[in-house]
Each structure stands twice: as structure tokens, then as C-alpha cells.
Amino acid sequence: MNNGDMARKGRGAVSVQGQICKGCSYCVDFCPSHCLEFTQEFNAKGYHFPVLARPEDCSGCDLCGLYCPDFAIHGFKFKDLEKRAPAPAVAAA
């Protein structure tokens, strides 16, 4: 296990575009691991938006993104990001 794995909590995370959110709560209501909560802050539209309150519980399943009518949130699994990461460049001798 490398240092990056030790610093992570959970198997995934979410990306939130808080300024797009209209506070419908679908992401919070349907999250199977109950890791999302609304902030106390308001966006420019006057709505509270979700944050990943318990990152250790997030599986990255993306149900939040599937339910979001405004595409303001999406989940991702860390293992999927690692698969897409480019291989390190090898220096020519």
C-alpha cells in the first residue's frame, strides 16, 4: 500500500458543482452510504448544496449523479481513476 492509499478514506469520492445545485436533495436522500449532507452555505441561487461529509463511507457508486436532475454532482471510484491514469514517462538515456 502506498502513501496515497493510506491517506484516502473510503473507496470513492464525489465532485460537486455547488453553483449549479438547486437543493432538491435527491443525492442526499438516495445515497446508500449516507455520506452526503447539505452545507450551511448558500450558492448564488440561494440553495444549500451537498458536500461529502463522511468520505470514509463513500463507495463512489455515483447514484448521487444518476439522480441529480441538474448534473451538479457525480461520484467516482478511486480504482477507476487509477486505471485511467497515464503510465509514468520513462526518461530516455
PDB file of N, CA and C in Angstrom:
ATOM      1  N   MET A   1       0.852  -1.173   0.000  1.00  0.00           N
ATOM      2  CA  MET A   1       0.000   0.000   0.000  1.00  0.00           C
ATOM      3  C   MET A   1       0.899   1.237   0.000  1.00  0.00           C
ATOM      4  N   ASN A   2       0.651   2.166  -0.917  1.00  0.00           N
ATOM      5  CA  ASN A   2       1.475   3.370  -0.956  1.00  0.00           C
ATOM      6  C   ASN A   2       0.868   4.465  -0.097  1.00  0.00           C
ATOM      7  N   ASN A   3       1.582   5.581   0.054  1.00  0.00           N
ATOM      8  CA  ASN A   3       1.121   6.672   0.919  1.00  0.00           C
ATOM      9  C   ASN A   3      -0.205   7.253   0.464  1.00  0.00           C
ATOM     10  N   GLY A   4      -0.452   7.315  -0.857  1.00  0.00           N
ATOM     11  CA  GLY A   4      -1.718   7.839  -1.364  1.00  0.00           C
ATOM     12  C   GLY A   4      -2.895   7.008  -0.900  1.00  0.00           C
ATOM     13  N   ASP A   5      -2.714   5.674  -0.863  1.00  0.00           N
ATOM     14  CA  ASP A   5      -3.795   4.799  -0.404  1.00  0.00           C
ATOM     15  C   ASP A   5      -4.048   4.977   1.089  1.00  0.00           C
ATOM     16  N   MET A   6      -3.004   5.221   1.846  1.00  0.00           N
ATOM     17  CA  MET A   6      -3.163   5.365   3.286  1.00  0.00           C
ATOM     18  C   MET A   6      -3.882   6.673   3.627  1.00  0.00           C
ATOM     19  N   ALA A   7      -3.710   7.700   2.827  1.00  0.00           N
ATOM     20  CA  ALA A   7      -4.337   8.985   3.092  1.00  0.00           C
ATOM     21  C   ALA A   7      -5.814   8.981   2.715  1.00  0.00           C
ATOM     22  N   ARG A   8      -6.208   8.095   1.826  1.00  0.00           N
ATOM     23  CA  ARG A   8      -7.600   8.031   1.374  1.00  0.00           C
ATOM     24  C   ARG A   8      -8.484   7.411   2.423  1.00  0.00           C
ATOM     25  N   LYS A   9      -9.732   7.853   2.348  1.00  0.00           N
ATOM     26  CA  LYS A   9     -10.750   7.237   3.182  1.00  0.00           C
ATOM     27  C   LYS A   9     -11.850   6.815   2.237  1.00  0.00           C
ATOM     28  N   GLY A  10     -12.374   5.647   2.417  1.00  0.00           N
ATOM     29  CA  GLY A  10     -13.428   5.164   1.539  1.00  0.00           C
ATOM     30  C   GLY A  10     -12.873   4.635   0.231  1.00  0.00           C
ATOM     31  N   ARG A  11     -13.780   4.221  -0.629  1.00  0.00           N
ATOM     32  CA  ARG A  11     -13.383   3.663  -1.926  1.00  0.00           C
ATOM     33  C   ARG A  11     -13.626   4.632  -3.062  1.00  0.00           C
ATOM     34  N   GLY A  12     -14.245   5.770  -2.759  1.00  0.00           N
ATOM     35  CA  GLY A  12     -14.541   6.736  -3.793  1.00  0.00           C
ATOM     36  C   GLY A  12     -14.780   8.107  -3.218  1.00  0.00           C
ATOM     37  N   ALA A  13     -15.198   9.007  -4.088  1.00  0.00           N
ATOM     38  CA  ALA A  13     -15.474  10.385  -3.682  1.00  0.00           C
ATOM     39  C   ALA A  13     -16.515  10.973  -4.634  1.00  0.00           C
ATOM     40  N   VAL A  14     -16.884  12.206  -4.384  1.00  0.00           N
ATOM     41  CA  VAL A  14     -17.832  12.902  -5.246  1.00  0.00           C
ATOM     42  C   VAL A  14     -17.244  14.244  -5.658  1.00  0.00           C
ATOM     43  N   SER A  15     -17.709  14.714  -6.780  1.00  0.00           N
ATOM     44  CA  SER A  15     -17.377  16.044  -7.266  1.00  0.00           C
ATOM     45  C   SER A  15     -18.691  16.824  -7.306  1.00  0.00           C
ATOM     46  N   VAL A  16     -18.714  17.979  -6.647  1.00  0.00           N
ATOM     47  CA  VAL A  16     -19.937  18.778  -6.550  1.00  0.00           C
ATOM     48  C   VAL A  16     -19.704  20.143  -7.187  1.00  0.00           C
ATOM     49  N   GLN A  17     -20.609  20.521  -8.055  1.00  0.00           N
ATOM     50  CA  GLN A  17     -20.615  21.873  -8.602  1.00  0.00           C
ATOM     51  C   GLN A  17     -21.721  22.626  -7.871  1.00  0.00           C
ATOM     52  N   GLY A  18     -21.350  23.195  -6.741  1.00  0.00           N
ATOM     53  CA  GLY A  18     -22.314  23.807  -5.837  1.00  0.00           C
ATOM     54  C   GLY A  18     -23.124  24.933  -6.447  1.00  0.00           C
ATOM     55  N   GLN A  19     -22.567  25.642  -7.413  1.00  0.00           N
ATOM     56  CA  GLN A  19     -23.291  26.766  -8.007  1.00  0.00           C
ATOM     57  C   GLN A  19     -24.409  26.309  -8.951  1.00  0.00           C
ATOM     58  N   ILE A  20     -24.371  25.059  -9.378  1.00  0.00           N
ATOM     59  CA  ILE A  20     -25.412  24.530 -10.264  1.00  0.00           C
ATOM     60  C   ILE A  20     -26.570  23.935  -9.459  1.00  0.00           C
ATOM     61  N   CYS A  21     -26.274  23.479  -8.268  1.00  0.00           N
ATOM     62  CA  CYS A  21     -27.253  22.772  -7.430  1.00  0.00           C
ATOM     63  C   CYS A  21     -28.463  23.641  -7.102  1.00  0.00           C
ATOM     64  N   LYS A  22     -29.647  23.006  -7.136  1.00  0.00           N
ATOM     65  CA  LYS A  22     -30.870  23.711  -6.737  1.00  0.00           C
ATOM     66  C   LYS A  22     -31.457  23.135  -5.442  1.00  0.00           C
ATOM     67  N   GLY A  23     -30.681  22.321  -4.731  1.00  0.00           N
ATOM     68  CA  GLY A  23     -31.086  21.855  -3.416  1.00  0.00           C
ATOM     69  C   GLY A  23     -32.229  20.872  -3.394  1.00  0.00           C
ATOM     70  N   CYS A  24     -32.394  20.066  -4.429  1.00  0.00           N
ATOM     71  CA  CYS A  24     -33.535  19.139  -4.479  1.00  0.00           C
ATOM     72  C   CYS A  24     -33.420  18.008  -3.466  1.00  0.00           C
ATOM     73  N   SER A  25     -32.227  17.706  -3.011  1.00  0.00           N
ATOM     74  CA  SER A  25     -31.894  16.681  -2.007  1.00  0.00           C
ATOM     75  C   SER A  25     -31.937  15.245  -2.513  1.00  0.00           C
ATOM     76  N   TYR A  26     -32.111  15.022  -3.798  1.00  0.00           N
ATOM     77  CA  TYR A  26     -32.118  13.641  -4.300  1.00  0.00           C
ATOM     78  C   TYR A  26     -30.807  12.930  -3.983  1.00  0.00           C
ATOM     79  N   CYS A  27     -29.698  13.614  -4.150  1.00  0.00           N
ATOM     80  CA  CYS A  27     -28.402  12.988  -3.899  1.00  0.00           C
ATOM     81  C   CYS A  27     -28.269  12.579  -2.432  1.00  0.00           C
ATOM     82  N   VAL A  28     -28.671  13.441  -1.544  1.00  0.00           N
ATOM     83  CA  VAL A  28     -28.588  13.160  -0.109  1.00  0.00           C
ATOM     84  C   VAL A  28     -29.571  12.056   0.275  1.00  0.00           C
ATOM     85  N   ASP A  29     -30.787  12.130  -0.234  1.00  0.00           N
ATOM     86  CA  ASP A  29     -31.823  11.164   0.120  1.00  0.00           C
ATOM     87  C   ASP A  29     -31.525   9.753  -0.377  1.00  0.00           C
ATOM     88  N   PHE A  30     -30.944   9.630  -1.561  1.00  0.00           N
ATOM     89  CA  PHE A  30     -30.756   8.313  -2.165  1.00  0.00           C
ATOM     90  C   PHE A  30     -29.348   7.759  -2.026  1.00  0.00           C
ATOM     91  N   CYS A  31     -28.460   8.448  -1.332  1.00  0.00           N
ATOM     92  CA  CYS A  31     -27.099   7.940  -1.130  1.00  0.00           C
ATOM     93  C   CYS A  31     -27.161   6.693  -0.248  1.00  0.00           C
ATOM     94  N   PRO A  32     -26.733   5.529  -0.772  1.00  0.00           N
ATOM     95  CA  PRO A  32     -26.853   4.302   0.020  1.00  0.00           C
ATOM     96  C   PRO A  32     -25.919   4.263   1.231  1.00  0.00           C
ATOM     97  N   SER A  33     -24.831   5.025   1.197  1.00  0.00           N
ATOM     98  CA  SER A  33     -23.912   5.014   2.334  1.00  0.00           C
ATOM     99  C   SER A  33     -24.104   6.219   3.258  1.00  0.00           C
ATOM    100  N   HIS A  34     -25.055   7.080   2.953  1.00  0.00           N
ATOM    101  CA  HIS A  34     -25.403   8.231   3.795  1.00  0.00           C
ATOM    102  C   HIS A  34     -24.190   9.102   4.121  1.00  0.00           C
ATOM    103  N   CYS A  35     -23.374   9.368   3.111  1.00  0.00           N
ATOM    104  CA  CYS A  35     -22.161  10.148   3.332  1.00  0.00           C
ATOM    105  C   CYS A  35     -22.289  11.606   2.907  1.00  0.00           C
ATOM    106  N   LEU A  36     -23.420  11.993   2.331  1.00  0.00           N
ATOM    107  CA  LEU A  36     -23.632  13.371   1.883  1.00  0.00           C
ATOM    108  C   LEU A  36     -24.499  14.146   2.862  1.00  0.00           C
ATOM    109  N   GLU A  37     -24.204  15.438   2.990  1.00  0.00           N
ATOM    110  CA  GLU A  37     -25.025  16.354   3.792  1.00  0.00           C
ATOM    111  C   GLU A  37     -25.058  17.687   3.078  1.00  0.00           C
ATOM    112  N   PHE A  38     -26.049  18.504   3.402  1.00  0.00           N
ATOM    113  CA  PHE A  38     -26.092  19.855   2.865  1.00  0.00           C
ATOM    114  C   PHE A  38     -25.211  20.775   3.703  1.00  0.00           C
ATOM    115  N   THR A  39     -24.569  21.719   3.046  1.00  0.00           N
ATOM    116  CA  THR A  39     -23.778  22.720   3.758  1.00  0.00           C
ATOM    117  C   THR A  39     -24.719  23.742   4.390  1.00  0.00           C
ATOM    118  N   GLN A  40     -24.171  24.546   5.247  1.00  0.00           N
ATOM    119  CA  GLN A  40     -24.920  25.662   5.805  1.00  0.00           C
ATOM    120  C   GLN A  40     -24.813  26.878   4.893  1.00  0.00           C
ATOM    121  N   GLU A  41     -23.886  26.806   3.919  1.00  0.00           N
ATOM    122  CA  GLU A  41     -23.681  27.894   2.961  1.00  0.00           C
ATOM    123  C   GLU A  41     -24.779  27.877   1.901  1.00  0.00           C
ATOM    124  N   PHE A  42     -24.952  29.014   1.243  1.00  0.00           N
ATOM    125  CA  PHE A  42     -25.883  29.130   0.129  1.00  0.00           C
ATOM    126  C   PHE A  42     -25.093  29.372  -1.151  1.00  0.00           C
ATOM    127  N   ASN A  43     -25.574  28.831  -2.261  1.00  0.00           N
ATOM    128  CA  ASN A  43     -24.972  29.155  -3.546  1.00  0.00           C
ATOM    129  C   ASN A  43     -25.601  30.455  -4.063  1.00  0.00           C
ATOM    130  N   ALA A  44     -25.200  30.885  -5.257  1.00  0.00           N
ATOM    131  CA  ALA A  44     -25.696  32.149  -5.817  1.00  0.00           C
ATOM    132  C   ALA A  44     -27.208  32.126  -6.048  1.00  0.00           C
ATOM    133  N   LYS A  45     -27.773  30.934  -6.202  1.00  0.00           N
ATOM    134  CA  LYS A  45     -29.221  30.812  -6.412  1.00  0.00           C
ATOM    135  C   LYS A  45     -29.998  30.814  -5.096  1.00  0.00           C
ATOM    136  N   GLY A  46     -29.268  30.745  -3.965  1.00  0.00           N
ATOM    137  CA  GLY A  46     -29.922  30.746  -2.665  1.00  0.00           C
ATOM    138  C   GLY A  46     -30.210  29.368  -2.104  1.00  0.00           C
ATOM    139  N   TYR A  47     -29.561  28.335  -2.641  1.00  0.00           N
ATOM    140  CA  TYR A  47     -29.792  26.968  -2.185  1.00  0.00           C
ATOM    141  C   TYR A  47     -28.596  26.428  -1.416  1.00  0.00           C
ATOM    142  N   HIS A  48     -28.874  25.561  -0.457  1.00  0.00           N
ATOM    143  CA  HIS A  48     -27.811  24.788   0.173  1.00  0.00           C
ATOM    144  C   HIS A  48     -27.399  23.711  -0.831  1.00  0.00           C
ATOM    145  N   PHE A  49     -26.139  23.332  -0.830  1.00  0.00           N
ATOM    146  CA  PHE A  49     -25.663  22.306  -1.747  1.00  0.00           C
ATOM    147  C   PHE A  49     -24.969  21.193  -0.961  1.00  0.00           C
ATOM    148  N   PRO A  50     -24.857  20.005  -1.535  1.00  0.00           N
ATOM    149  CA  PRO A  50     -24.294  18.869  -0.804  1.00  0.00           C
ATOM    150  C   PRO A  50     -22.772  18.908  -0.738  1.00  0.00           C
ATOM    151  N   VAL A  51     -22.256  18.274   0.292  1.00  0.00           N
ATOM    152  CA  VAL A  51     -20.822  18.049   0.449  1.00  0.00           C
ATOM    153  C   VAL A  51     -20.631  16.609   0.927  1.00  0.00           C
ATOM    154  N   LEU A  52     -19.434  16.116   0.719  1.00  0.00           N
ATOM    155  CA  LEU A  52     -19.092  14.773   1.185  1.00  0.00           C
ATOM    156  C   LEU A  52     -18.701  14.882   2.659  1.00  0.00           C
ATOM    157  N   ALA A  53     -19.663  14.696   3.535  1.00  0.00           N
ATOM    158  CA  ALA A  53     -19.460  14.876   4.970  1.00  0.00           C
ATOM    159  C   ALA A  53     -18.713  13.716   5.610  1.00  0.00           C
ATOM    160  N   ARG A  54     -18.866  12.517   5.063  1.00  0.00           N
ATOM    161  CA  ARG A  54     -18.212  11.329   5.610  1.00  0.00           C
ATOM    162  C   ARG A  54     -17.473  10.589   4.488  1.00  0.00           C
ATOM    163  N   PRO A  55     -16.295  11.081   4.092  1.00  0.00           N
ATOM    164  CA  PRO A  55     -15.569  10.480   2.973  1.00  0.00           C
ATOM    165  C   PRO A  55     -15.206   9.014   3.189  1.00  0.00           C
ATOM    166  N   GLU A  56     -15.064   8.626   4.440  1.00  0.00           N
ATOM    167  CA  GLU A  56     -14.712   7.238   4.725  1.00  0.00           C
ATOM    168  C   GLU A  56     -15.839   6.271   4.360  1.00  0.00           C
ATOM    169  N   ASP A  57     -17.054   6.780   4.206  1.00  0.00           N
ATOM    170  CA  ASP A  57     -18.197   5.937   3.871  1.00  0.00           C
ATOM    171  C   ASP A  57     -18.526   5.910   2.381  1.00  0.00           C
ATOM    172  N   CYS A  58     -17.922   6.802   1.599  1.00  0.00           N
ATOM    173  CA  CYS A  58     -18.260   6.900   0.173  1.00  0.00           C
ATOM    174  C   CYS A  58     -17.700   5.719  -0.607  1.00  0.00           C
ATOM    175  N   SER A  59     -18.559   5.093  -1.395  1.00  0.00           N
ATOM    176  CA  SER A  59     -18.128   3.971  -2.237  1.00  0.00           C
ATOM    177  C   SER A  59     -17.868   4.411  -3.672  1.00  0.00           C
ATOM    178  N   GLY A  60     -18.244   5.630  -4.009  1.00  0.00           N
ATOM    179  CA  GLY A  60     -18.070   6.108  -5.379  1.00  0.00           C
ATOM    180  C   GLY A  60     -19.068   5.505  -6.346  1.00  0.00           C
ATOM    181  N   CYS A  61     -20.208   5.098  -5.868  1.00  0.00           N
ATOM    182  CA  CYS A  61     -21.188   4.375  -6.687  1.00  0.00           C
ATOM    183  C   CYS A  61     -21.846   5.249  -7.756  1.00  0.00           C
ATOM    184  N   ASP A  62     -21.857   6.559  -7.579  1.00  0.00           N
ATOM    185  CA  ASP A  62     -22.426   7.547  -8.492  1.00  0.00           C
ATOM    186  C   ASP A  62     -23.951   7.531  -8.539  1.00  0.00           C
ATOM    187  N   LEU A  63     -24.615   6.973  -7.545  1.00  0.00           N
ATOM    188  CA  LEU A  63     -26.070   7.102  -7.505  1.00  0.00           C
ATOM    189  C   LEU A  63     -26.470   8.560  -7.337  1.00  0.00           C
ATOM    190  N   CYS A  64     -25.652   9.320  -6.630  1.00  0.00           N
ATOM    191  CA  CYS A  64     -25.941  10.752  -6.474  1.00  0.00           C
ATOM    192  C   CYS A  64     -25.993  11.425  -7.844  1.00  0.00           C
ATOM    193  N   GLY A  65     -25.052  11.103  -8.702  1.00  0.00           N
ATOM    194  CA  GLY A  65     -25.019  11.687 -10.038  1.00  0.00           C
ATOM    195  C   GLY A  65     -26.144  11.202 -10.925  1.00  0.00           C
ATOM    196  N   LEU A  66     -26.538   9.960 -10.749  1.00  0.00           N
ATOM    197  CA  LEU A  66     -27.629   9.419 -11.554  1.00  0.00           C
ATOM    198  C   LEU A  66     -28.974  10.055 -11.205  1.00  0.00           C
ATOM    199  N   TYR A  67     -29.158  10.409  -9.934  1.00  0.00           N
ATOM    200  CA  TYR A  67     -30.412  11.016  -9.502  1.00  0.00           C
ATOM    201  C   TYR A  67     -30.457  12.532  -9.695  1.00  0.00           C
ATOM    202  N   CYS A  68     -29.293  13.175  -9.828  1.00  0.00           N
ATOM    203  CA  CYS A  68     -29.257  14.636  -9.896  1.00  0.00           C
ATOM    204  C   CYS A  68     -29.840  15.141 -11.219  1.00  0.00           C
ATOM    205  N   PRO A  69     -30.927  15.913 -11.170  1.00  0.00           N
ATOM    206  CA  PRO A  69     -31.540  16.405 -12.406  1.00  0.00           C
ATOM    207  C   PRO A  69     -30.724  17.512 -13.082  1.00  0.00           C
ATOM    208  N   ASP A  70     -29.783  18.091 -12.358  1.00  0.00           N
ATOM    209  CA  ASP A  70     -29.004  19.200 -12.905  1.00  0.00           C
ATOM    210  C   ASP A  70     -27.546  18.846 -13.180  1.00  0.00           C
ATOM    211  N   PHE A  71     -27.176  17.588 -12.992  1.00  0.00           N
ATOM    212  CA  PHE A  71     -25.793  17.136 -13.218  1.00  0.00           C
ATOM    213  C   PHE A  71     -24.809  17.958 -12.390  1.00  0.00           C
ATOM    214  N   ALA A  72     -25.189  18.278 -11.159  1.00  0.00           N
ATOM    215  CA  ALA A  72     -24.356  19.087 -10.289  1.00  0.00           C
ATOM    216  C   ALA A  72     -23.416  18.248  -9.431  1.00  0.00           C
ATOM    217  N   ILE A  73     -23.575  16.943  -9.437  1.00  0.00           N
ATOM    218  CA  ILE A  73     -22.763  16.065  -8.605  1.00  0.00           C
ATOM    219  C   ILE A  73     -22.512  14.771  -9.358  1.00  0.00           C
ATOM    220  N   HIS A  74     -21.351  14.190  -9.138  1.00  0.00           N
ATOM    221  CA  HIS A  74     -21.106  12.839  -9.650  1.00  0.00           C
ATOM    222  C   HIS A  74     -20.092  12.146  -8.756  1.00  0.00           C
ATOM    223  N   GLY A  75     -20.245  10.855  -8.653  1.00  0.00           N
ATOM    224  CA  GLY A  75     -19.353  10.040  -7.841  1.00  0.00           C
ATOM    225  C   GLY A  75     -18.378   9.291  -8.714  1.00  0.00           C
ATOM    226  N   PHE A  76     -17.244   8.950  -8.128  1.00  0.00           N
ATOM    227  CA  PHE A  76     -16.241   8.172  -8.860  1.00  0.00           C
ATOM    228  C   PHE A  76     -15.487   7.273  -7.893  1.00  0.00           C
ATOM    229  N   LYS A  77     -15.076   6.140  -8.411  1.00  0.00           N
ATOM    230  CA  LYS A  77     -14.313   5.176  -7.630  1.00  0.00           C
ATOM    231  C   LYS A  77     -12.828   5.458  -7.831  1.00  0.00           C
ATOM    232  N   PHE A  78     -12.047   5.363  -6.768  1.00  0.00           N
ATOM    233  CA  PHE A  78     -10.613   5.597  -6.865  1.00  0.00           C
ATOM    234  C   PHE A  78      -9.948   4.601  -7.809  1.00  0.00           C
ATOM    235  N   LYS A  79     -10.399   3.339  -7.793  1.00  0.00           N
ATOM    236  CA  LYS A  79      -9.778   2.331  -8.649  1.00  0.00           C
ATOM    237  C   LYS A  79      -9.989   2.654 -10.129  1.00  0.00           C
ATOM    238  N   ASP A  80     -11.114   3.279 -10.478  1.00  0.00           N
ATOM    239  CA  ASP A  80     -11.350   3.659 -11.865  1.00  0.00           C
ATOM    240  C   ASP A  80     -10.424   4.796 -12.292  1.00  0.00           C
ATOM    241  N   LEU A  81     -10.146   5.712 -11.384  1.00  0.00           N
ATOM    242  CA  LEU A  81      -9.212   6.795 -11.690  1.00  0.00           C
ATOM    243  C   LEU A  81      -7.804   6.259 -11.904  1.00  0.00           C
ATOM    244  N   GLU A  82      -7.425   5.276 -11.098  1.00  0.00           N
ATOM    245  CA  GLU A  82      -6.093   4.691 -11.229  1.00  0.00           C
ATOM    246  C   GLU A  82      -5.932   3.975 -12.562  1.00  0.00           C
ATOM    247  N   LYS A  83      -6.986   3.348 -13.048  1.00  0.00           N
ATOM    248  CA  LYS A  83      -6.925   2.662 -14.339  1.00  0.00           C
ATOM    249  C   LYS A  83      -6.731   3.643 -15.486  1.00  0.00           C
ATOM    250  N   ARG A  84      -7.323   4.843 -15.358  1.00  0.00           N
ATOM    251  CA  ARG A  84      -7.237   5.836 -16.430  1.00  0.00           C
ATOM    252  C   ARG A  84      -5.985   6.693 -16.369  1.00  0.00           C
ATOM    253  N   ALA A  85      -5.272   6.636 -15.241  1.00  0.00           N
ATOM    254  CA  ALA A  85      -4.078   7.467 -15.077  1.00  0.00           C
ATOM    255  C   ALA A  85      -3.010   7.036 -16.080  1.00  0.00           C
ATOM    256  N   PRO A  86      -2.354   7.992 -16.728  1.00  0.00           N
ATOM    257  CA  PRO A  86      -1.303   7.636 -17.677  1.00  0.00           C
ATOM    258  C   PRO A  86      -0.113   7.026 -16.949  1.00  0.00           C
ATOM    259  N   ALA A  87       0.561   6.119 -17.655  1.00  0.00           N
ATOM    260  CA  ALA A  87       1.760   5.492 -17.095  1.00  0.00           C
ATOM    261  C   ALA A  87       2.859   6.546 -16.991  1.00  0.00           C
ATOM    262  N   PRO A  88       3.711   6.442 -15.967  1.00  0.00           N
ATOM    263  CA  PRO A  88       4.791   7.418 -15.833  1.00  0.00           C
ATOM    264  C   PRO A  88       5.740   7.341 -17.035  1.00  0.00           C
ATOM    265  N   ALA A  89       6.195   8.508 -17.461  1.00  0.00           N
ATOM    266  CA  ALA A  89       7.109   8.573 -18.614  1.00  0.00           C
ATOM    267  C   ALA A  89       8.479   8.051 -18.197  1.00  0.00           C
ATOM    268  N   VAL A  90       9.108   7.328 -19.085  1.00  0.00           N
ATOM    269  CA  VAL A  90      10.443   6.799 -18.848  1.00  0.00           C
ATOM    270  C   VAL A  90      11.423   7.722 -19.550  1.00  0.00           C
ATOM    271  N   ALA A  91      12.410   8.205 -18.810  1.00  0.00           N
ATOM    272  CA  ALA A  91      13.394   9.122 -19.368  1.00  0.00           C
ATOM    273  C   ALA A  91      14.312   8.361 -20.328  1.00  0.00           C
ATOM    274  N   ALA A  92      14.578   8.976 -21.466  1.00  0.00           N
ATOM    275  CA  ALA A  92      15.492   8.360 -22.446  1.00  0.00           C
ATOM    276  C   ALA A  92      16.927   8.522 -21.966  1.00  0.00           C
ATOM    277  N   ALA A  93      17.724   7.474 -22.179  1.00  0.00           N
ATOM    278  CA  ALA A  93      19.110   7.508 -21.719  1.00  0.00           C
ATOM    279  C   ALA A  93      20.040   8.169 -22.704  1.00  0.00           C
TER     280      ALA A  93
END
